[in-house]
Amino acid sequence: MAAKTPHSFSVVALSRADLDIANPAQTREVIQNLRPQIVINGAAYNAVDKAENEGAADSLKINAFGVTNLAQACRDTGARLVHFSTDFVFDGHKRTPYLETDPTGPLSVYGASKLCGENVCLAMHERNVAIRVCRLFGPLRGENGAGSAAKPGGNFPSLMLRLARERGQVRVVDDQIGAPSYIPDLAVAVWQLLENLGENGGLFQISNAGETSFADYAAEIFRRARVNCEVERVSSEKYGAPAKRPLYSTFSNEKAHANGVEPLRHWSEALDEFLSEIS
């Protein structure tokens, strides 16, 4: 899959300095000046563990109130808002893929803030689209356009490879199951969804095919990258992260498929492409 935008669109990419969604006045001014047809919100506070304590206010400021600022500005200018949510809106008690209609029950401040954001997005206008994504990985682009590994913590494969080089051993939870998702594949899927929705909006879930635990994910990264590293498998309880995560959060993608999104390849195939690009 090669990510590209439809020919009829020009894309304006804004940094946080250009548009801080936590600033209602700036958000309103920028959206009014640009008058976009579609606003895709890639801004989020995603320090999950930090949000449980000193980051709680920032998590809400960006993931909930910031989305409110953006949704209001879009509504006032006639723009459609496309917002990204997360699998952390679920409690993980299921053992079959979650549907969009399944009850939510976030276990963390981060998950609760993201649920607020998706609800605000959808409530503000019927054309708005909220898309739940999960376990994202993909290359960042440097100034010269070359692929580079993401910053530690924001990209699981890159983090595992760095820790393997530094320590030769990693400690990873083995009871959290979900679907790693490749950002370039998701980009294609988002455009397919928008092209097929017309004037309709709603809540959707998109991820790569398959599911795995984080421990098995790490082992597969090392196997495919041909890196020798021992994986110490531990339970979430023993690992003791400040924020609770859902133990199961695989998505059903059937609603997205029914609305024109081609099924994404298995996450392990996308992992091969990622590893090839960062090498």
Protein backbone atom coordinates (compact mmCIF):
# COMPACT_ATOMS: atom_id res chain seq x y z
CA MET A 1 0.00 0.00 0.00
CA ALA A 2 1.35 3.42 -0.91
CA ALA A 3 -0.09 6.24 1.16
CA LYS A 4 -1.26 9.17 -0.90
CA THR A 5 -3.89 11.86 -0.73
CA PRO A 6 -6.62 12.21 -3.35
CA HIS A 7 -5.59 14.43 -6.26
CA SER A 8 -8.34 16.90 -5.45
CA PHE A 9 -6.82 17.80 -2.09
CA SER A 10 -3.97 20.04 -1.05
CA VAL A 11 -2.64 19.33 2.43
CA VAL A 12 -1.52 21.95 4.97
CA ALA A 13 0.50 20.38 7.80
CA LEU A 14 0.52 22.40 11.02
CA SER A 15 2.88 22.03 13.96
CA ARG A 16 1.88 22.70 17.55
CA ALA A 17 3.43 26.15 17.22
CA ASP A 18 1.16 26.80 14.22
CA LEU A 19 -1.96 25.49 15.94
CA ASP A 20 -2.14 24.60 19.62
CA ILE A 21 -5.60 23.08 20.05
CA ALA A 22 -5.45 23.78 23.79
CA ASN A 23 -5.57 27.50 22.89
CA PRO A 24 -9.18 28.25 21.88
CA ALA A 25 -8.46 31.70 20.44
CA GLN A 26 -5.57 30.50 18.27
CA THR A 27 -7.54 27.46 17.16
CA ARG A 28 -10.49 29.57 16.10
CA GLU A 29 -8.28 32.09 14.28
CA VAL A 30 -6.24 29.50 12.35
CA ILE A 31 -9.28 27.51 11.22
CA GLN A 32 -11.12 30.67 10.19
CA ASN A 33 -8.14 31.88 8.18
CA LEU A 34 -7.48 28.58 6.43
CA ARG A 35 -11.12 27.66 5.83
CA PRO A 36 -10.33 23.96 5.27
CA GLN A 37 -12.84 21.39 4.06
CA ILE A 38 -11.44 18.70 6.35
CA VAL A 39 -9.40 19.00 9.54
CA ILE A 40 -7.50 15.87 10.57
CA ASN A 41 -6.51 16.07 14.23
CA GLY A 42 -3.19 14.38 14.91
CA ALA A 43 -2.65 16.18 18.22
CA ALA A 44 -2.83 14.17 21.44
CA TYR A 45 -1.41 13.82 24.92
CA ASN A 46 -0.25 10.20 24.96
CA ALA A 47 1.97 9.90 28.04
CA VAL A 48 -0.33 7.23 29.44
CA ASP A 49 1.43 6.62 32.76
CA LYS A 50 2.24 10.27 33.41
CA ALA A 51 -1.43 11.13 32.89
CA GLU A 52 -2.34 9.13 36.00
CA ASN A 53 -0.59 11.65 38.21
CA GLU A 54 1.00 14.98 37.30
CA GLY A 55 -0.13 14.82 33.67
CA ALA A 56 -3.86 14.43 34.30
CA ALA A 57 -4.66 18.10 33.68
CA ASP A 58 -2.62 18.16 30.46
CA SER A 59 -4.27 14.96 29.26
CA LEU A 60 -7.72 16.48 29.66
CA LYS A 61 -6.61 19.88 28.32
CA ILE A 62 -5.48 18.36 25.01
CA ASN A 63 -7.50 15.16 24.54
CA ALA A 64 -10.84 16.52 25.73
CA PHE A 65 -10.95 20.33 25.89
CA GLY A 66 -8.56 20.72 22.96
CA VAL A 67 -10.79 18.56 20.79
CA THR A 68 -13.73 20.69 21.93
CA ASN A 69 -11.93 23.84 20.75
CA LEU A 70 -11.16 22.25 17.41
CA ALA A 71 -14.65 20.81 16.92
CA GLN A 72 -16.25 24.18 17.65
CA ALA A 73 -13.96 25.98 15.21
CA CYS A 74 -14.72 23.37 12.54
CA ARG A 75 -18.45 23.63 13.13
CA ASP A 76 -18.36 27.42 12.89
CA THR A 77 -16.48 27.34 9.56
CA GLY A 78 -18.24 24.34 8.00
CA ALA A 79 -15.20 22.05 8.13
CA ARG A 80 -15.42 18.33 8.81
CA LEU A 81 -13.35 17.12 11.76
CA VAL A 82 -11.56 13.77 11.61
CA HIS A 83 -10.31 12.81 15.07
CA PHE A 84 -8.27 9.84 16.26
CA SER A 85 -9.19 7.90 19.38
CA THR A 86 -7.78 4.75 20.96
CA ASP A 87 -8.36 1.17 22.07
CA PHE A 88 -7.82 2.41 25.64
CA VAL A 89 -11.49 3.44 25.74
CA PHE A 90 -12.26 -0.25 26.46
CA ASP A 91 -11.82 -2.19 29.71
CA GLY A 92 -10.40 -5.28 27.97
CA HIS A 93 -12.85 -7.79 29.46
CA LYS A 94 -13.86 -9.20 26.07
CA ARG A 95 -11.92 -11.95 24.32
CA THR A 96 -13.31 -11.33 20.84
CA PRO A 97 -12.69 -8.22 18.70
CA TYR A 98 -14.42 -5.10 19.93
CA LEU A 99 -17.19 -3.52 17.87
CA GLU A 100 -17.86 0.21 17.73
CA THR A 101 -21.15 -0.50 19.50
CA ASP A 102 -19.58 -2.31 22.47
CA PRO A 103 -19.75 -0.53 25.84
CA THR A 104 -16.70 1.54 26.72
CA GLY A 105 -15.00 1.53 30.10
CA PRO A 106 -11.59 3.20 30.18
CA LEU A 107 -9.25 2.08 32.94
CA SER A 108 -6.97 5.15 32.91
CA VAL A 109 -7.08 8.94 32.88
CA TYR A 110 -5.64 8.84 29.37
CA GLY A 111 -8.36 6.47 28.16
CA ALA A 112 -11.07 8.58 29.77
CA SER A 113 -9.71 11.77 28.19
CA LYS A 114 -9.66 10.15 24.75
CA LEU A 115 -13.22 8.90 25.18
CA CYS A 116 -14.28 12.47 26.02
CA GLY A 117 -12.61 13.67 22.84
CA GLU A 118 -14.28 11.17 20.54
CA ASN A 119 -17.68 11.90 22.11
CA VAL A 120 -17.25 15.65 21.64
CA CYS A 121 -16.11 15.18 18.04
CA LEU A 122 -19.15 13.11 17.14
CA ALA A 123 -21.62 15.24 19.08
CA MET A 124 -20.49 18.52 17.52
CA HIS A 125 -21.53 17.65 13.95
CA GLU A 126 -23.04 14.64 12.19
CA ARG A 127 -20.38 14.80 9.42
CA ASN A 128 -17.50 14.46 11.86
CA VAL A 129 -15.55 11.22 11.97
CA ALA A 130 -13.85 9.61 15.00
CA ILE A 131 -11.44 6.77 14.22
CA ARG A 132 -10.12 4.46 16.92
CA VAL A 133 -6.57 3.26 16.23
CA CYS A 134 -4.15 1.19 18.33
CA ARG A 135 -0.48 0.34 18.92
CA LEU A 136 0.80 2.60 16.18
CA PHE A 137 4.24 2.18 14.66
CA GLY A 138 5.91 3.72 11.64
CA PRO A 139 8.88 5.76 10.45
CA LEU A 140 9.30 9.43 11.19
CA ARG A 141 10.64 11.61 8.41
CA GLY A 142 13.77 13.66 8.85
CA GLU A 143 14.49 16.97 7.18
CA ASN A 144 15.98 15.19 4.19
CA GLY A 145 12.97 12.91 3.85
CA ALA A 146 14.83 9.81 4.98
CA GLY A 147 13.13 7.36 7.29
CA SER A 148 14.25 7.29 10.88
CA ALA A 149 13.20 5.46 14.00
CA ALA A 150 10.67 7.13 16.24
CA LYS A 151 11.61 8.56 19.60
CA PRO A 152 11.83 5.99 22.41
CA GLY A 153 8.45 5.24 23.90
CA GLY A 154 6.44 6.44 20.93
CA ASN A 155 7.17 3.45 18.72
CA PHE A 156 7.37 -0.05 20.16
CA PRO A 157 9.63 -1.67 17.52
CA SER A 158 12.15 1.16 17.67
CA LEU A 159 12.15 1.11 21.46
CA MET A 160 12.70 -2.67 21.55
CA LEU A 161 15.59 -2.47 19.10
CA ARG A 162 17.24 0.31 21.10
CA LEU A 163 16.89 -1.60 24.37
CA ALA A 164 18.22 -4.73 22.71
CA ARG A 165 21.38 -2.86 21.69
CA GLU A 166 21.80 -1.30 25.13
CA ARG A 167 20.88 -4.20 27.41
CA GLY A 168 20.56 -7.45 25.48
CA GLN A 169 17.38 -8.20 27.46
CA VAL A 170 13.91 -6.65 27.66
CA ARG A 171 11.10 -7.06 30.18
CA VAL A 172 7.72 -7.07 28.43
CA VAL A 173 4.14 -7.80 29.48
CA ASP A 174 2.70 -10.98 28.00
CA ASP A 175 -1.01 -10.60 28.86
CA GLN A 176 -2.02 -7.49 26.87
CA ILE A 177 -3.41 -8.57 23.49
CA GLY A 178 -4.07 -6.25 20.55
CA ALA A 179 -3.23 -5.41 16.94
CA PRO A 180 -0.06 -3.44 16.09
CA SER A 181 -0.92 -0.98 13.33
CA TYR A 182 1.32 0.57 10.69
CA ILE A 183 0.82 4.29 10.19
CA PRO A 184 1.30 4.33 6.36
CA ASP A 185 -1.35 1.61 6.01
CA LEU A 186 -3.72 3.56 8.25
CA ALA A 187 -3.20 6.70 6.19
CA VAL A 188 -4.43 4.90 3.08
CA ALA A 189 -7.40 3.51 4.97
CA VAL A 190 -8.42 6.93 6.31
CA TRP A 191 -8.53 8.42 2.82
CA GLN A 192 -10.52 5.44 1.53
CA LEU A 193 -13.01 5.93 4.35
CA LEU A 194 -13.41 9.65 3.73
CA GLU A 195 -13.85 9.15 -0.02
CA ASN A 196 -16.60 6.60 0.55
CA LEU A 197 -18.50 8.26 3.40
CA GLY A 198 -19.73 11.20 1.35
CA GLU A 199 -21.52 13.53 3.77
CA ASN A 200 -21.89 10.87 6.43
CA GLY A 201 -19.85 10.69 9.61
CA GLY A 202 -19.58 8.43 12.60
CA LEU A 203 -17.33 6.24 14.72
CA PHE A 204 -14.98 3.71 13.09
CA GLN A 205 -12.15 1.39 14.08
CA ILE A 206 -9.16 0.67 11.84
CA SER A 207 -6.15 -1.54 12.50
CA ASN A 208 -3.88 -3.98 10.74
CA ALA A 209 -5.00 -7.62 10.70
CA GLY A 210 -4.00 -10.08 13.40
CA GLU A 211 -3.35 -9.76 17.11
CA THR A 212 -0.48 -10.47 19.51
CA SER A 213 0.77 -9.89 23.03
CA PHE A 214 3.50 -7.31 23.58
CA ALA A 215 5.95 -10.06 24.57
CA ASP A 216 5.29 -12.03 21.37
CA TYR A 217 5.45 -8.76 19.42
CA ALA A 218 8.90 -8.05 20.85
CA ALA A 219 10.09 -11.57 20.07
CA GLU A 220 8.87 -11.21 16.48
CA ILE A 221 10.66 -7.88 16.10
CA PHE A 222 13.94 -9.46 17.17
CA ARG A 223 13.42 -12.52 14.97
CA ARG A 224 12.66 -10.51 11.85
CA ALA A 225 15.42 -7.98 12.54
CA ARG A 226 17.86 -10.84 13.32
CA VAL A 227 18.72 -9.37 16.68
CA ASN A 228 19.73 -11.51 19.65
CA CYS A 229 17.80 -10.33 22.70
CA GLU A 230 16.18 -12.18 25.57
CA VAL A 231 12.52 -11.40 26.26
CA GLU A 232 11.55 -11.66 29.93
CA ARG A 233 7.79 -12.22 30.03
CA VAL A 234 5.85 -10.72 32.93
CA SER A 235 2.23 -10.07 33.80
CA SER A 236 0.79 -6.57 33.76
CA GLU A 237 0.33 -6.82 37.53
CA LYS A 238 3.97 -7.72 38.06
CA TYR A 239 5.17 -5.06 35.64
CA GLY A 240 3.34 -2.46 37.74
CA ALA A 241 2.78 0.43 35.32
CA PRO A 242 0.98 3.39 36.96
CA ALA A 243 -1.86 3.29 34.42
CA LYS A 244 -3.96 0.20 33.87
CA ARG A 245 -4.24 -1.06 30.30
CA PRO A 246 -6.95 -3.25 28.77
CA LEU A 247 -5.77 -6.87 28.64
CA TYR A 248 -7.60 -7.37 25.34
CA SER A 249 -8.30 -4.58 22.86
CA THR A 250 -8.32 -6.02 19.33
CA PHE A 251 -10.71 -4.20 17.00
CA SER A 252 -13.30 -5.50 14.61
CA ASN A 253 -12.75 -3.59 11.35
CA GLU A 254 -15.96 -4.80 9.71
CA LYS A 255 -17.72 -1.44 9.85
CA ALA A 256 -14.79 0.27 8.12
CA HIS A 257 -14.68 -2.51 5.49
CA ALA A 258 -18.41 -2.06 4.86
CA ASN A 259 -17.71 1.62 4.18
CA GLY A 260 -15.07 1.12 1.51
CA VAL A 261 -11.87 0.51 3.48
CA GLU A 262 -9.85 -2.36 2.05
CA PRO A 263 -8.69 -4.84 4.72
CA LEU A 264 -5.21 -3.96 5.97
CA ARG A 265 -2.45 -6.55 5.72
CA HIS A 266 -1.28 -8.56 8.71
CA TRP A 267 0.73 -6.50 11.17
CA SER A 268 3.77 -8.77 10.76
CA GLU A 269 3.95 -8.01 7.01
CA ALA A 270 3.86 -4.29 7.79
CA LEU A 271 6.56 -4.83 10.41
CA ASP A 272 8.85 -6.24 7.71
CA GLU A 273 8.41 -3.06 5.68
CA PHE A 274 9.09 -0.87 8.70
CA LEU A 275 12.24 -2.76 9.64
CA SER A 276 13.48 -2.55 6.07
CA GLU A 277 12.88 1.19 5.96
CA ILE A 278 14.65 2.04 9.21
CA SER A 279 17.61 -0.17 8.36
